[in-house]
C-alpha atoms as a PDB file:
ATOM      1  CA  MET A   1      71.303-112.999-175.586  1.00  0.00           C
ATOM      2  CA  THR A   2      71.775-115.104-178.682  1.00  0.00           C
ATOM      3  CA  MET A   3      69.476-115.957-181.543  1.00  0.00           C
ATOM      4  CA  ASP A   4      69.037-119.621-182.437  1.00  0.00           C
ATOM      5  CA  PHE A   5      68.067-119.536-186.113  1.00  0.00           C
ATOM      6  CA  SER A   6      67.407-123.287-186.138  1.00  0.00           C
ATOM      7  CA  LEU A   7      64.305-122.815-183.981  1.00  0.00           C
ATOM      8  CA  PRO A   8      60.958-121.259-184.889  1.00  0.00           C
ATOM      9  CA  LEU A   9      60.181-117.948-183.239  1.00  0.00           C
ATOM     10  CA  LEU A  10      57.710-117.629-180.386  1.00  0.00           C
ATOM     11  CA  LEU A  11      56.610-114.013-180.107  1.00  0.00           C
ATOM     12  CA  LEU A  12      55.295-113.027-176.668  1.00  0.00           C
ATOM     13  CA  ASP A  13      53.113-110.104-175.787  1.00  0.00           C
ATOM     14  CA  VAL A  14      53.012-109.087-172.114  1.00  0.00           C
ATOM     15  CA  ASP A  15      49.828-107.193-171.270  1.00  0.00           C
ATOM     16  CA  GLY A  16      46.934-109.577-171.736  1.00  0.00           C
ATOM     17  CA  VAL A  17      49.237-112.600-172.091  1.00  0.00           C
ATOM     18  CA  LEU A  18      51.633-112.642-169.140  1.00  0.00           C
ATOM     19  CA  ASN A  19      49.782-109.851-167.314  1.00  0.00           C
ATOM     20  CA  PRO A  20      46.041-110.674-167.271  1.00  0.00           C
ATOM     21  CA  PHE A  21      45.130-107.042-166.722  1.00  0.00           C
ATOM     22  CA  ALA A  22      41.487-107.322-167.834  1.00  0.00           C
ATOM     23  CA  SER A  23      40.379-109.547-164.970  1.00  0.00           C
ATOM     24  CA  PRO A  24      38.360-107.615-162.378  1.00  0.00           C
ATOM     25  CA  THR A  25      40.401-109.323-159.641  1.00  0.00           C
ATOM     26  CA  CYS A  26      43.827-110.905-159.547  1.00  0.00           C
ATOM     27  CA  PRO A  27      43.387-114.360-161.162  1.00  0.00           C
ATOM     28  CA  PRO A  28      44.219-117.515-159.187  1.00  0.00           C
ATOM     29  CA  GLY A  29      47.918-118.312-159.338  1.00  0.00           C
ATOM     30  CA  CYS A  30      48.870-114.698-160.050  1.00  0.00           C
ATOM     31  CA  GLN A  31      50.461-112.112-157.787  1.00  0.00           C
ATOM     32  CA  GLU A  32      50.273-108.353-158.168  1.00  0.00           C
ATOM     33  CA  PHE A  33      53.497-106.372-158.320  1.00  0.00           C
ATOM     34  CA  GLU A  34      53.905-102.596-158.104  1.00  0.00           C
ATOM     35  CA  LEU A  35      56.565-102.375-160.809  1.00  0.00           C
ATOM     36  CA  PHE A  36      56.045 -98.804-161.971  1.00  0.00           C
ATOM     37  CA  ALA A  37      55.157 -95.750-159.903  1.00  0.00           C
ATOM     38  CA  ASP A  38      51.691 -94.315-160.551  1.00  0.00           C
ATOM     39  CA  GLU A  39      50.588 -97.253-162.722  1.00  0.00           C
ATOM     40  CA  GLU A  40      48.323-100.231-162.183  1.00  0.00           C
ATOM     41  CA  PRO A  41      49.933-103.297-160.620  1.00  0.00           C
ATOM     42  CA  VAL A  42      51.256-105.970-162.959  1.00  0.00           C
ATOM     43  CA  ARG A  43      49.857-109.456-162.446  1.00  0.00           C
ATOM     44  CA  LEU A  44      52.274-112.316-162.949  1.00  0.00           C
ATOM     45  CA  CYS A  45      51.893-116.071-162.604  1.00  0.00           C
ATOM     46  CA  ALA A  46      54.894-118.164-161.521  1.00  0.00           C
ATOM     47  CA  ALA A  47      53.676-121.046-163.713  1.00  0.00           C
ATOM     48  CA  HIS A  48      54.196-118.843-166.780  1.00  0.00           C
ATOM     49  CA  GLY A  49      57.939-118.842-166.134  1.00  0.00           C
ATOM     50  CA  ASP A  50      57.979-122.641-166.018  1.00  0.00           C
ATOM     51  CA  TRP A  51      55.888-122.885-169.181  1.00  0.00           C
ATOM     52  CA  LEU A  52      58.073-120.395-171.041  1.00  0.00           C
ATOM     53  CA  GLN A  53      61.187-122.316-170.032  1.00  0.00           C
ATOM     54  CA  GLU A  54      59.589-125.448-171.498  1.00  0.00           C
ATOM     55  CA  LEU A  55      58.724-123.596-174.696  1.00  0.00           C
ATOM     56  CA  ALA A  56      62.305-122.313-174.930  1.00  0.00           C
ATOM     57  CA  THR A  57      63.444-125.898-175.577  1.00  0.00           C
ATOM     58  CA  ARG A  58      61.599-125.835-178.912  1.00  0.00           C
ATOM     59  CA  PHE A  59      61.341-122.126-179.760  1.00  0.00           C
ATOM     60  CA  GLN A  60      63.415-118.963-179.813  1.00  0.00           C
ATOM     61  CA  LEU A  61      61.446-116.778-177.386  1.00  0.00           C
ATOM     62  CA  VAL A  62      61.146-113.116-178.384  1.00  0.00           C
ATOM     63  CA  TRP A  63      59.406-110.202-176.647  1.00  0.00           C
ATOM     64  CA  ALA A  64      56.744-108.726-178.959  1.00  0.00           C
ATOM     65  CA  THR A  65      55.372-106.104-176.597  1.00  0.00           C
ATOM     66  CA  GLY A  66      55.190-102.395-176.024  1.00  0.00           C
ATOM     67  CA  TRP A  67      57.252-103.072-172.897  1.00  0.00           C
ATOM     68  CA  GLY A  68      60.360-103.237-175.097  1.00  0.00           C
ATOM     69  CA  MET A  69      63.589-103.753-173.166  1.00  0.00           C
ATOM     70  CA  GLU A  70      61.703-103.247-169.901  1.00  0.00           C
ATOM     71  CA  ALA A  71      60.433-106.808-170.344  1.00  0.00           C
ATOM     72  CA  ASN A  72      63.994-108.075-169.940  1.00  0.00           C
ATOM     73  CA  ARG A  73      64.793-105.751-167.061  1.00  0.00           C
ATOM     74  CA  VAL A  74      61.580-106.182-165.081  1.00  0.00           C
ATOM     75  CA  LEU A  75      59.853-109.420-166.137  1.00  0.00           C
ATOM     76  CA  ALA A  76      62.569-111.849-167.187  1.00  0.00           C
ATOM     77  CA  PRO A  77      64.111-112.100-163.685  1.00  0.00           C
ATOM     78  CA  ARG A  78      60.677-112.622-162.062  1.00  0.00           C
ATOM     79  CA  LEU A  79      59.850-115.363-164.585  1.00  0.00           C
ATOM     80  CA  ARG A  80      63.347-116.897-164.337  1.00  0.00           C
ATOM     81  CA  LEU A  81      64.037-116.261-168.014  1.00  0.00           C
ATOM     82  CA  PRO A  82      67.268-115.181-169.676  1.00  0.00           C
ATOM     83  CA  GLU A  83      67.379-111.909-171.543  1.00  0.00           C
ATOM     84  CA  LEU A  84      65.313-112.350-174.709  1.00  0.00           C
ATOM     85  CA  PRO A  85      65.475-110.607-178.083  1.00  0.00           C
ATOM     86  CA  VAL A  86      63.044-107.696-178.349  1.00  0.00           C
ATOM     87  CA  ILE A  87      61.030-106.531-181.349  1.00  0.00           C
ATOM     88  CA  SER A  88      60.982-102.729-181.278  1.00  0.00           C
ATOM     89  CA  PHE A  89      57.630-101.053-181.805  1.00  0.00           C
ATOM     90  CA  ALA A  90      56.454 -97.458-182.062  1.00  0.00           C
ATOM     91  CA  PRO A  91      56.434 -95.571-178.784  1.00  0.00           C
ATOM     92  CA  VAL A  92      53.558 -96.452-176.465  1.00  0.00           C
ATOM     93  CA  PRO A  93      50.676 -95.982-176.826  1.00  0.00           C
ATOM     94  CA  PHE A  94      50.165 -97.527-180.247  1.00  0.00           C
ATOM     95  CA  HIS A  95      47.360 -99.428-181.926  1.00  0.00           C
ATOM     96  CA  PRO A  96      47.910-103.215-181.922  1.00  0.00           C
ATOM     97  CA  ARG A  97      47.942-103.336-185.746  1.00  0.00           C
ATOM     98  CA  GLU A  98      51.104-101.190-185.619  1.00  0.00           C
ATOM     99  CA  LYS A  99      53.036-104.241-184.388  1.00  0.00           C
ATOM    100  CA  LEU A 100      52.689-105.992-187.717  1.00  0.00           C
ATOM    101  CA  HIS A 101      55.341-104.200-189.780  1.00  0.00           C
ATOM    102  CA  ALA A 102      58.008-104.727-187.099  1.00  0.00           C
ATOM    103  CA  VAL A 103      57.004-108.391-186.745  1.00  0.00           C
ATOM    104  CA  ILE A 104      57.224-108.907-190.513  1.00  0.00           C
ATOM    105  CA  ASP A 105      60.712-107.401-190.558  1.00  0.00           C
ATOM    106  CA  PHE A 106      61.888-109.392-187.542  1.00  0.00           C
ATOM    107  CA  ALA A 107      60.378-112.736-188.561  1.00  0.00           C
ATOM    108  CA  ALA A 108      61.608-112.571-192.167  1.00  0.00           C
ATOM    109  CA  ASP A 109      61.152-116.100-193.512  1.00  0.00           C
ATOM    110  CA  ARG A 110      61.250-117.971-190.208  1.00  0.00           C
ATOM    111  CA  PRO A 111      58.344-120.023-188.838  1.00  0.00           C
ATOM    112  CA  VAL A 112      56.469-118.043-186.180  1.00  0.00           C
ATOM    113  CA  ALA A 113      54.088-118.756-183.336  1.00  0.00           C
ATOM    114  CA  TRP A 114      52.737-115.507-181.872  1.00  0.00           C
ATOM    115  CA  ILE A 115      50.784-115.222-178.616  1.00  0.00           C
ATOM    116  CA  ASP A 116      48.834-111.981-178.214  1.00  0.00           C
ATOM    117  CA  ASP A 117      45.511-110.736-176.898  1.00  0.00           C
ATOM    118  CA  ALA A 118      44.834-108.159-179.612  1.00  0.00           C
ATOM    119  CA  PHE A 119      45.248-109.699-183.060  1.00  0.00           C
ATOM    120  CA  GLN A 120      43.845-107.481-185.780  1.00  0.00           C
ATOM    121  CA  PRO A 121      42.461-108.551-189.180  1.00  0.00           C
ATOM    122  CA  GLU A 122      45.672-107.421-190.897  1.00  0.00           C
ATOM    123  CA  MET A 123      47.689-109.743-188.650  1.00  0.00           C
ATOM    124  CA  ARG A 124      45.439-112.708-189.382  1.00  0.00           C
ATOM    125  CA  GLU A 125      45.639-112.027-193.114  1.00  0.00           C
ATOM    126  CA  TRP A 126      49.447-111.858-192.984  1.00  0.00           C
ATOM    127  CA  ALA A 127      49.606-115.143-191.051  1.00  0.00           C
ATOM    128  CA  SER A 128      47.283-116.914-193.474  1.00  0.00           C
ATOM    129  CA  GLN A 129      49.264-115.773-196.511  1.00  0.00           C
ATOM    130  CA  ARG A 130      52.768-116.586-195.289  1.00  0.00           C
ATOM    131  CA  LEU A 131      54.655-119.297-197.135  1.00  0.00           C
ATOM    132  CA  VAL A 132      56.228-120.550-193.911  1.00  0.00           C
ATOM    133  CA  PRO A 133      54.333-122.035-190.958  1.00  0.00           C
ATOM    134  CA  THR A 134      52.655-119.367-188.833  1.00  0.00           C
ATOM    135  CA  LEU A 135      50.462-119.792-185.765  1.00  0.00           C
ATOM    136  CA  LEU A 136      48.504-117.038-184.030  1.00  0.00           C
ATOM    137  CA  VAL A 137      47.480-117.967-180.486  1.00  0.00           C
ATOM    138  CA  ASP A 138      44.763-115.778-179.010  1.00  0.00           C
ATOM    139  CA  ALA A 139      44.961-114.981-175.303  1.00  0.00           C
ATOM    140  CA  ASP A 140      42.039-113.749-173.246  1.00  0.00           C
ATOM    141  CA  PRO A 141      43.349-110.588-171.500  1.00  0.00           C
ATOM    142  CA  ALA A 142      41.351-111.498-168.387  1.00  0.00           C
ATOM    143  CA  GLU A 143      42.945-114.956-168.208  1.00  0.00           C
ATOM    144  CA  GLY A 144      46.366-114.592-169.826  1.00  0.00           C
ATOM    145  CA  LEU A 145      48.565-117.448-170.959  1.00  0.00           C
ATOM    146  CA  THR A 146      47.039-120.876-170.397  1.00  0.00           C
ATOM    147  CA  ARG A 147      48.470-124.347-170.413  1.00  0.00           C
ATOM    148  CA  GLU A 148      46.169-125.049-173.363  1.00  0.00           C
ATOM    149  CA  ALA A 149      47.939-122.315-175.361  1.00  0.00           C
ATOM    150  CA  VAL A 150      51.316-123.797-174.445  1.00  0.00           C
ATOM    151  CA  GLU A 151      50.185-127.232-175.640  1.00  0.00           C
ATOM    152  CA  GLN A 152      48.822-125.657-178.833  1.00  0.00           C
ATOM    153  CA  CYS A 153      52.318-124.283-179.539  1.00  0.00           C
ATOM    154  CA  PHE A 154      53.950-127.665-178.899  1.00  0.00           C
ATOM    155  CA  CYS A 155      51.463-129.470-181.163  1.00  0.00           C
ATOM    156  CA  TRP A 156      51.982-126.892-183.895  1.00  0.00           C
ATOM    157  CA  VAL A 157      55.784-127.152-183.800  1.00  0.00           C
ATOM    158  CA  ASP A 158      55.574-130.966-183.838  1.00  0.00           C
ATOM    159  CA  ASP A 159      53.232-130.896-186.836  1.00  0.00           C
ATOM    160  CA  TYR A 160      55.153-128.380-188.913  1.00  0.00           C
ATOM    161  CA  GLN A 161      58.519-130.109-188.380  1.00  0.00           C
ATOM    162  CA  LEU A 162      57.245-133.440-189.795  1.00  0.00           C
END
């Protein structure tokens, strides 16, 4: 795994973004996987792997999830992704706002697009006050990552690089 410092960061949450856990049924295009004993199945969409590979041509993809290194071990192969850098968070469970300090440290002064389903007011305030381009992309935890969100990231990176 290498970091490409010439690219903006794209921070990826898993639950609610790549795993639409809040849907009462498995959403169209998703499959359920029993990845962990005694836990709910994880829902994954094959299209997400394709979309993330597209995004990787313009962004440095980074896991920003409580899954930690498990995202590389368990999800990356299923989504046909290489091993990605991981932002380390407090042990699970943690409140979503607890991601912010680690994200601030990791992002430093790099442009950031961040896709998550649980942005807190503190996160939005940080993003609005940064001196470098920052995009927060909200995901519906019942729907997960959409093509619209992918296009939003591409439009943002095109605009900020002008």
